[in-house]
Protein backbone atom coordinates (compact mmCIF):
# COMPACT_ATOMS: atom_id res chain seq x y z
CA UNK A 1 238.64 -69.76 41.62
CA UNK A 2 237.89 -73.19 42.45
CA UNK A 3 241.36 -74.35 41.80
CA UNK A 4 242.43 -71.97 44.28
CA UNK A 5 240.17 -73.41 46.68
CA UNK A 6 241.48 -76.93 46.01
CA UNK A 7 245.01 -75.88 46.48
CA UNK A 8 244.17 -74.01 49.79
CA UNK A 9 242.55 -77.15 51.07
CA UNK A 10 245.49 -79.19 50.24
CA UNK A 11 247.67 -76.95 52.02
CA UNK A 12 245.63 -76.69 55.23
CA UNK A 13 245.44 -80.39 55.49
CA UNK A 14 249.17 -81.07 54.93
CA UNK A 15 250.10 -78.47 57.69
CA UNK A 16 247.83 -80.60 59.99
CA UNK A 17 249.37 -83.81 59.01
CA UNK A 18 252.71 -82.74 59.89
CA UNK A 19 251.56 -82.78 63.51
CA UNK A 20 249.95 -86.34 63.50
CA UNK A 21 250.48 -88.29 66.84
CA UNK A 22 249.46 -91.67 67.60
CA UNK A 23 245.77 -92.72 68.53
CA UNK A 24 244.49 -91.83 71.86
CA UNK A 25 240.93 -93.08 73.01
CA UNK A 26 238.71 -91.21 75.60
CA UNK A 27 235.31 -92.29 75.78
CA UNK A 28 234.59 -91.30 79.55
CA UNK A 29 230.79 -91.91 79.46
CA UNK A 30 230.41 -95.27 76.95
CA UNK A 31 232.15 -97.19 74.65
CA UNK A 32 235.73 -95.96 73.80
CA UNK A 33 237.27 -96.27 70.42
CA UNK A 34 240.55 -96.23 68.47
CA UNK A 35 241.78 -96.51 64.79
CA UNK A 36 243.63 -99.80 63.83
CA UNK A 37 245.88 -98.26 61.18
CA UNK A 38 245.83 -100.45 58.01
CA UNK A 39 248.41 -98.43 55.60
CA UNK A 40 247.90 -99.38 51.90
CA UNK A 41 251.54 -98.86 51.04
CA UNK A 42 250.82 -95.57 49.16
CA UNK A 43 251.42 -92.04 49.82
CA UNK A 44 248.47 -90.68 48.08
CA UNK A 45 245.77 -88.57 49.82
CA UNK A 46 242.67 -90.68 49.94
CA UNK A 47 239.53 -88.50 50.38
CA UNK A 48 237.33 -91.12 48.30
CA UNK A 49 236.33 -93.94 50.61
CA UNK A 50 233.67 -96.68 50.34
CA UNK A 51 233.05 -99.24 53.34
CA UNK A 52 231.42 -102.37 52.26
CA UNK A 53 231.77 -104.36 55.64
CA UNK A 54 234.52 -104.88 58.25
CA UNK A 55 236.60 -106.75 55.65
CA UNK A 56 236.13 -105.03 52.34
CA UNK A 57 236.76 -101.26 51.62
CA UNK A 58 237.81 -99.14 48.61
CA UNK A 59 239.93 -96.02 48.87
CA UNK A 60 240.28 -93.52 45.98
CA UNK A 61 242.55 -90.45 45.96
CA UNK A 62 245.31 -88.63 44.27
CA UNK A 63 247.47 -89.81 41.25
CA UNK A 64 244.41 -91.40 40.02
CA UNK A 65 244.70 -94.13 42.60
CA UNK A 66 242.06 -96.66 43.49
CA UNK A 67 242.99 -99.42 46.07
CA UNK A 68 240.80 -102.38 47.37
CA UNK A 69 240.98 -104.64 50.41
CA UNK A 70 239.06 -107.84 51.07
CA UNK A 71 240.93 -108.92 54.06
CA UNK A 72 240.24 -106.15 56.67
CA UNK A 73 243.33 -104.01 55.61
CA UNK A 74 245.88 -106.58 55.77
CA UNK A 75 246.55 -106.57 52.07
CA UNK A 76 245.61 -103.61 49.38
CA UNK A 77 245.39 -104.23 45.83
CA UNK A 78 245.85 -101.44 43.46
CA UNK A 79 242.91 -101.43 41.04
CA UNK A 80 243.38 -97.78 39.41
CA UNK A 81 241.99 -97.14 36.26
CA UNK A 82 244.43 -96.88 33.40
CA UNK A 83 245.09 -93.42 32.14
CA UNK A 84 243.79 -91.64 35.18
CA UNK A 85 246.99 -90.80 36.77
CA UNK A 86 246.83 -87.13 36.21
CA UNK A 87 243.41 -86.97 37.99
CA UNK A 88 242.27 -86.76 41.52
CA UNK A 89 239.65 -89.13 42.74
CA UNK A 90 237.53 -87.42 45.61
CA UNK A 91 234.79 -89.70 46.01
CA UNK A 92 233.93 -93.61 45.66
CA UNK A 93 230.82 -95.54 46.28
CA UNK A 94 230.78 -99.31 46.38
CA UNK A 95 228.01 -101.91 46.25
CA UNK A 96 230.30 -104.85 47.18
CA UNK A 97 233.75 -106.13 46.44
CA UNK A 98 233.12 -106.16 42.71
CA UNK A 99 230.92 -103.20 41.98
CA UNK A 100 231.98 -99.72 42.62
CA UNK A 101 231.74 -96.09 41.04
CA UNK A 102 234.28 -93.56 41.35
CA UNK A 103 234.65 -89.78 40.79
CA UNK A 104 237.24 -87.24 39.92
CA UNK A 105 237.16 -83.75 40.41
CA UNK A 106 238.41 -80.61 38.61
CA UNK A 107 237.06 -77.93 36.18
CA UNK A 108 235.48 -79.01 33.02
CA UNK A 109 236.64 -82.55 31.65
CA UNK A 110 238.43 -83.26 34.85
CA UNK A 111 235.17 -84.11 36.44
CA UNK A 112 234.59 -87.71 35.40
CA UNK A 113 232.79 -90.82 36.96
CA UNK A 114 234.29 -94.33 36.35
CA UNK A 115 232.44 -97.68 37.01
CA UNK A 116 233.77 -101.27 37.52
CA UNK A 117 231.77 -104.53 37.87
CA UNK A 118 234.85 -106.84 38.42
CA UNK A 119 236.65 -105.62 41.53
CA UNK A 120 238.72 -102.97 39.35
CA UNK A 121 240.07 -105.41 36.97
CA UNK A 122 238.64 -103.05 34.28
CA UNK A 123 236.82 -99.75 34.50
CA UNK A 124 234.39 -97.89 32.22
CA UNK A 125 234.22 -94.30 32.05
CA UNK A 126 230.51 -93.58 32.42
CA UNK A 127 230.55 -89.73 32.54
CA UNK A 128 232.65 -86.91 31.65
CA UNK A 129 231.75 -83.24 32.39
CA UNK A 130 231.66 -81.08 29.21
CA UNK A 131 230.54 -77.90 30.87
CA UNK A 132 233.70 -75.69 31.44
CA UNK A 133 232.30 -73.87 34.56
CA UNK A 134 231.14 -77.29 36.34
CA UNK A 135 233.02 -78.74 38.99
CA UNK A 136 231.82 -82.00 40.51
CA UNK A 137 232.32 -82.50 44.29
CA UNK A 138 230.63 -85.90 45.50
CA UNK A 139 228.13 -88.48 44.73
CA UNK A 140 226.09 -91.02 46.50
CA UNK A 141 223.60 -93.97 45.92
CA UNK A 142 220.57 -95.27 47.15
CA UNK A 143 220.42 -98.68 45.46
CA UNK A 144 220.72 -98.15 41.74
CA UNK A 145 219.68 -94.68 42.07
CA UNK A 146 222.45 -92.11 42.26
CA UNK A 147 223.20 -88.29 42.35
CA UNK A 148 226.37 -86.41 41.66
CA UNK A 149 226.68 -82.84 42.78
CA UNK A 150 228.49 -79.90 40.84
CA UNK A 151 229.17 -76.46 42.06
CA UNK A 152 226.84 -73.74 40.60
CA UNK A 153 226.52 -73.27 36.80
CA UNK A 154 224.56 -70.09 35.62
CA UNK A 155 223.78 -69.51 39.34
CA UNK A 156 222.46 -72.89 40.28
CA UNK A 157 223.93 -76.22 41.66
CA UNK A 158 224.03 -78.85 39.01
CA UNK A 159 222.89 -82.37 39.53
CA UNK A 160 223.58 -85.37 37.40
CA UNK A 161 221.46 -88.52 37.97
CA UNK A 162 221.88 -92.27 37.28
CA UNK A 163 219.06 -94.85 37.52
CA UNK A 164 221.19 -97.79 36.71
CA UNK A 165 223.82 -98.05 39.19
CA UNK A 166 226.26 -95.55 37.74
CA UNK A 167 226.20 -97.17 34.34
CA UNK A 168 224.87 -94.02 32.60
CA UNK A 169 224.23 -90.36 33.67
CA UNK A 170 221.86 -87.51 32.88
CA UNK A 171 222.38 -83.92 33.83
CA UNK A 172 218.96 -82.85 35.34
CA UNK A 173 217.21 -79.62 34.34
CA UNK A 174 217.96 -76.76 36.85
CA UNK A 175 214.34 -75.31 36.96
CA UNK A 176 213.70 -77.09 40.51
CA UNK A 177 217.06 -75.84 42.28
CA UNK A 178 217.15 -72.61 44.13
CA UNK A 179 219.52 -69.87 43.25
CA UNK A 180 222.86 -70.18 44.63
CA UNK A 181 224.17 -67.49 47.10
CA UNK A 182 227.14 -65.31 46.13
CA UNK A 183 230.15 -67.28 46.60
CA UNK A 184 228.21 -70.57 47.67
CA UNK A 185 229.73 -73.80 46.66
CA UNK A 186 230.16 -77.37 47.97
CA UNK A 187 233.38 -79.06 49.47
CA UNK A 188 235.06 -82.06 47.76
CA UNK A 189 236.73 -82.97 51.03
CA UNK A 190 235.38 -86.33 51.99
CA UNK A 191 232.69 -87.62 49.52
CA UNK A 192 230.02 -86.70 51.97
CA UNK A 193 228.73 -83.12 50.78
CA UNK A 194 225.86 -85.09 49.52
CA UNK A 195 223.89 -88.07 51.11
CA UNK A 196 221.29 -90.29 49.54
CA UNK A 197 218.49 -91.17 52.05
CA UNK A 198 215.49 -93.61 51.80
CA UNK A 199 213.34 -93.53 48.72
CA UNK A 200 214.27 -90.49 46.71
CA UNK A 201 215.22 -88.42 49.23
CA UNK A 202 218.71 -86.60 49.31
CA UNK A 203 220.50 -83.82 50.83
CA UNK A 204 223.63 -81.85 50.12
CA UNK A 205 225.42 -79.14 52.00
CA UNK A 206 227.37 -75.83 51.26
CA UNK A 207 229.49 -73.22 52.28
CA UNK A 208 231.53 -70.26 50.94
CA UNK A 209 228.58 -67.73 51.26
CA UNK A 210 227.45 -65.57 54.06
CA UNK A 211 225.70 -68.66 55.46
CA UNK A 212 225.83 -72.31 55.06
CA UNK A 213 222.76 -74.23 53.76
CA UNK A 214 221.53 -77.80 53.39
CA UNK A 215 219.40 -78.48 50.22
CA UNK A 216 216.78 -81.40 50.34
CA UNK A 217 214.98 -83.38 47.54
CA UNK A 218 212.02 -85.70 47.87
CA UNK A 219 211.93 -86.63 44.19
CA UNK A 220 215.37 -88.04 43.28
CA UNK A 221 216.92 -84.42 42.53
CA UNK A 222 214.36 -82.87 40.44
CA UNK A 223 213.31 -80.27 43.03
CA UNK A 224 215.21 -79.04 45.95
CA UNK A 225 214.43 -76.72 49.02
CA UNK A 226 217.40 -75.01 50.92
CA UNK A 227 217.49 -74.55 54.63
CA UNK A 228 219.73 -72.00 56.19
CA UNK A 229 222.17 -73.34 58.71
CA UNK A 230 223.33 -71.91 61.99
CA UNK A 231 226.89 -72.99 61.40
CA UNK A 232 229.51 -70.69 60.41
CA UNK A 233 230.29 -69.81 56.86
CA UNK A 234 233.07 -67.99 54.92
CA UNK A 235 235.53 -68.19 51.84
CA UNK A 236 237.06 -71.42 53.39
CA UNK A 237 234.13 -72.46 55.83
CA UNK A 238 230.67 -74.00 55.85
CA UNK A 239 229.25 -77.50 56.15
CA UNK A 240 231.61 -80.33 54.71
CA UNK A 241 229.88 -83.39 55.60
CA UNK A 242 226.34 -84.72 56.21
CA UNK A 243 225.28 -88.00 57.83
CA UNK A 244 221.82 -89.22 58.34
CA UNK A 245 220.05 -92.23 60.17
CA UNK A 246 216.90 -92.44 58.32
CA UNK A 247 214.74 -89.83 56.85
CA UNK A 248 214.83 -87.42 59.81
CA UNK A 249 217.71 -87.86 62.24
CA UNK A 250 221.01 -86.28 60.77
CA UNK A 251 224.34 -84.44 61.65
CA UNK A 252 226.33 -81.49 60.00
CA UNK A 253 230.06 -81.01 60.78
CA UNK A 254 232.26 -78.62 59.07
CA UNK A 255 234.42 -75.49 60.08
CA UNK A 256 237.13 -73.63 58.20
CA UNK A 257 239.85 -75.90 56.53
CA UNK A 258 242.53 -73.16 56.67
CA UNK A 259 242.28 -73.29 60.41
CA UNK A 260 242.22 -76.87 61.24
CA UNK A 261 242.42 -76.81 64.82
CA UNK A 262 239.71 -74.32 65.47
CA UNK A 263 236.06 -74.90 65.28
CA UNK A 264 233.53 -72.05 65.43
CA UNK A 265 229.82 -72.97 65.05
CA UNK A 266 231.06 -76.33 63.32
CA UNK A 267 228.39 -78.96 64.14
CA UNK A 268 224.59 -79.17 64.12
CA UNK A 269 221.77 -81.72 64.40
CA UNK A 270 218.41 -82.31 62.59
CA UNK A 271 215.17 -84.28 63.78
CA UNK A 272 212.96 -83.19 60.92
CA UNK A 273 214.91 -84.33 57.85
CA UNK A 274 216.95 -81.26 57.38
CA UNK A 275 214.04 -78.90 57.60
CA UNK A 276 215.61 -77.24 60.61
CA UNK A 277 218.89 -77.35 62.17
CA UNK A 278 220.07 -76.83 65.91
CA UNK A 279 223.57 -75.80 66.75
CA UNK A 280 225.85 -77.64 68.95
CA UNK A 281 227.11 -75.61 71.72
CA UNK A 282 231.01 -74.84 71.46
CA UNK A 283 231.73 -76.76 74.63
CA UNK A 284 230.33 -79.88 73.31
CA UNK A 285 231.17 -79.57 69.56
CA UNK A 286 234.25 -81.21 67.85
CA UNK A 287 237.44 -78.91 68.73
CA UNK A 288 238.63 -78.72 65.32
CA UNK A 289 237.36 -78.47 61.63
CA UNK A 290 235.89 -81.90 60.67
CA UNK A 291 235.43 -82.98 57.04
CA UNK A 292 233.72 -86.52 57.33
CA UNK A 293 231.04 -88.04 59.49
CA UNK A 294 229.16 -91.22 59.63
CA UNK A 295 226.71 -93.12 61.87
CA UNK A 296 227.99 -96.39 63.15
CA UNK A 297 225.89 -99.65 62.07
CA UNK A 298 225.99 -101.00 65.69
CA UNK A 299 224.51 -98.10 67.50
CA UNK A 300 221.50 -95.97 66.66
CA UNK A 301 223.02 -92.82 68.00
CA UNK A 302 226.60 -93.18 67.65
CA UNK A 303 228.39 -90.91 65.11
CA UNK A 304 232.12 -90.35 64.31
CA UNK A 305 233.53 -87.33 62.81
CA UNK A 306 237.14 -87.12 61.36
CA UNK A 307 239.33 -84.18 60.19
CA UNK A 308 242.99 -83.18 59.98
CA UNK A 309 243.27 -82.41 63.45
CA UNK A 310 241.54 -85.50 65.16
CA UNK A 311 238.53 -87.81 65.39
CA UNK A 312 235.52 -87.51 67.64
CA UNK A 313 232.73 -89.69 68.66
CA UNK A 314 229.25 -88.75 69.75
CA UNK A 315 227.06 -91.41 71.61
CA UNK A 316 223.90 -89.07 71.58
CA UNK A 317 223.49 -88.28 68.07
CA UNK A 318 225.59 -85.60 67.51
CA UNK A 319 224.64 -83.48 70.38
CA UNK A 320 228.03 -83.86 72.23
CA UNK A 321 231.34 -85.05 71.06
CA UNK A 322 234.61 -86.37 72.61
CA UNK A 323 237.75 -86.44 70.95
CA UNK A 324 239.59 -89.82 70.61
CA UNK A 325 242.04 -89.46 68.35
CA UNK A 326 244.87 -86.82 67.45
CA UNK A 327 245.78 -87.82 64.12
CA UNK A 328 244.59 -86.98 60.68
CA UNK A 329 241.91 -88.43 58.51
CA UNK A 330 239.97 -86.73 55.79
CA UNK A 331 236.95 -89.31 55.38
CA UNK A 332 234.96 -91.96 57.27
CA UNK A 333 232.44 -94.46 56.09
CA UNK A 334 230.70 -97.26 58.00
CA UNK A 335 228.63 -100.20 56.40
CA UNK A 336 227.58 -103.85 56.73
CA UNK A 337 225.29 -105.62 59.28
CA UNK A 338 225.74 -107.43 62.56
CA UNK A 339 229.31 -108.87 63.01
CA UNK A 340 230.07 -108.02 59.35
CA UNK A 341 229.57 -104.27 60.06
CA UNK A 342 232.59 -102.03 59.96
CA UNK A 343 233.81 -98.35 59.98
CA UNK A 344 236.84 -97.01 57.87
CA UNK A 345 238.67 -93.87 57.86
CA UNK A 346 241.21 -92.56 55.03
CA UNK A 347 243.15 -89.25 54.35
CA UNK A 348 246.75 -87.89 53.62
CA UNK A 349 250.07 -89.68 53.20
CA UNK A 350 248.08 -93.05 52.71
CA UNK A 351 246.46 -92.90 56.19
CA UNK A 352 243.89 -95.59 56.53
CA UNK A 353 242.23 -97.09 59.37
CA UNK A 354 239.40 -99.24 60.91
CA UNK A 355 237.44 -98.26 64.01
CA UNK A 356 237.76 -100.71 66.77
CA UNK A 357 236.74 -100.89 70.54
CA UNK A 358 239.61 -99.84 72.90
CA UNK A 359 240.58 -102.58 74.92
């Protein structure tokens, strides 16, 4: 079943990509933005994205490809792990230009985690899933502590944990994980279905069941509590991406990946760390399915969301959104401080861009 969901996701995205048009900024009530395209010279679909700052970013995608830039996207270097050509990378997290952890997805042993400490010159496989029914979707780090999320195994979501920056991983006991709903799973769409927060806090989001949910942990993934979301859910719908600014303030975006230009109950916000969520009204929400989201470093309440039918910006913490780009991206991530801060986006057919103010 999961293989079919992945195929359907790819088909839906490719349909929207065929309608790609140049960037168009709006921003009527504040700063306006646009994407400066920095194509890497590859036709792979890059759902894995790790921003380090305005100059350095990693992208990971189909055909086992991992690329790195350290000059703002002027040049991309192929640093793919050898022997991974048949695998699909769906997430990558980077600590700097030398250290990164990348994850491939798939049933059974196709779900793997690789680590580099020398800018991709060499990679070490640090985790390979041996549970045939597990399917890992995304991972995230807070410092050296990392979590990786799998779809349910024996009726519960599965968590792998690392305490050494991805050098080693341990599957955690599931006694503290609530039971999954019928048909519930997470979306391996942009690497942001799971987010690591401050301390030992983390969240992950779901769909596929009769309602989407957000799970929250305060102890590094051992115990979780699930909160129902007011967003829509279904066989191909739910929450695809979470973004948090600190321990309390967060946004969720999603929709139905088979209907990329439609958005029904597809965005929500939280002010209490995910314990409750407030739906964004349809007239203020993104107008299409969105697969990735991120807070920008230079503004406390500015959020960017991306998807196959466009990109949106919110200047009020996710309560209202304005579309500024009609092209396709799958993932967005921001990082860095001060003048070094930067936001990147990546997606199908080698699409990569940097967020810049529109002049």
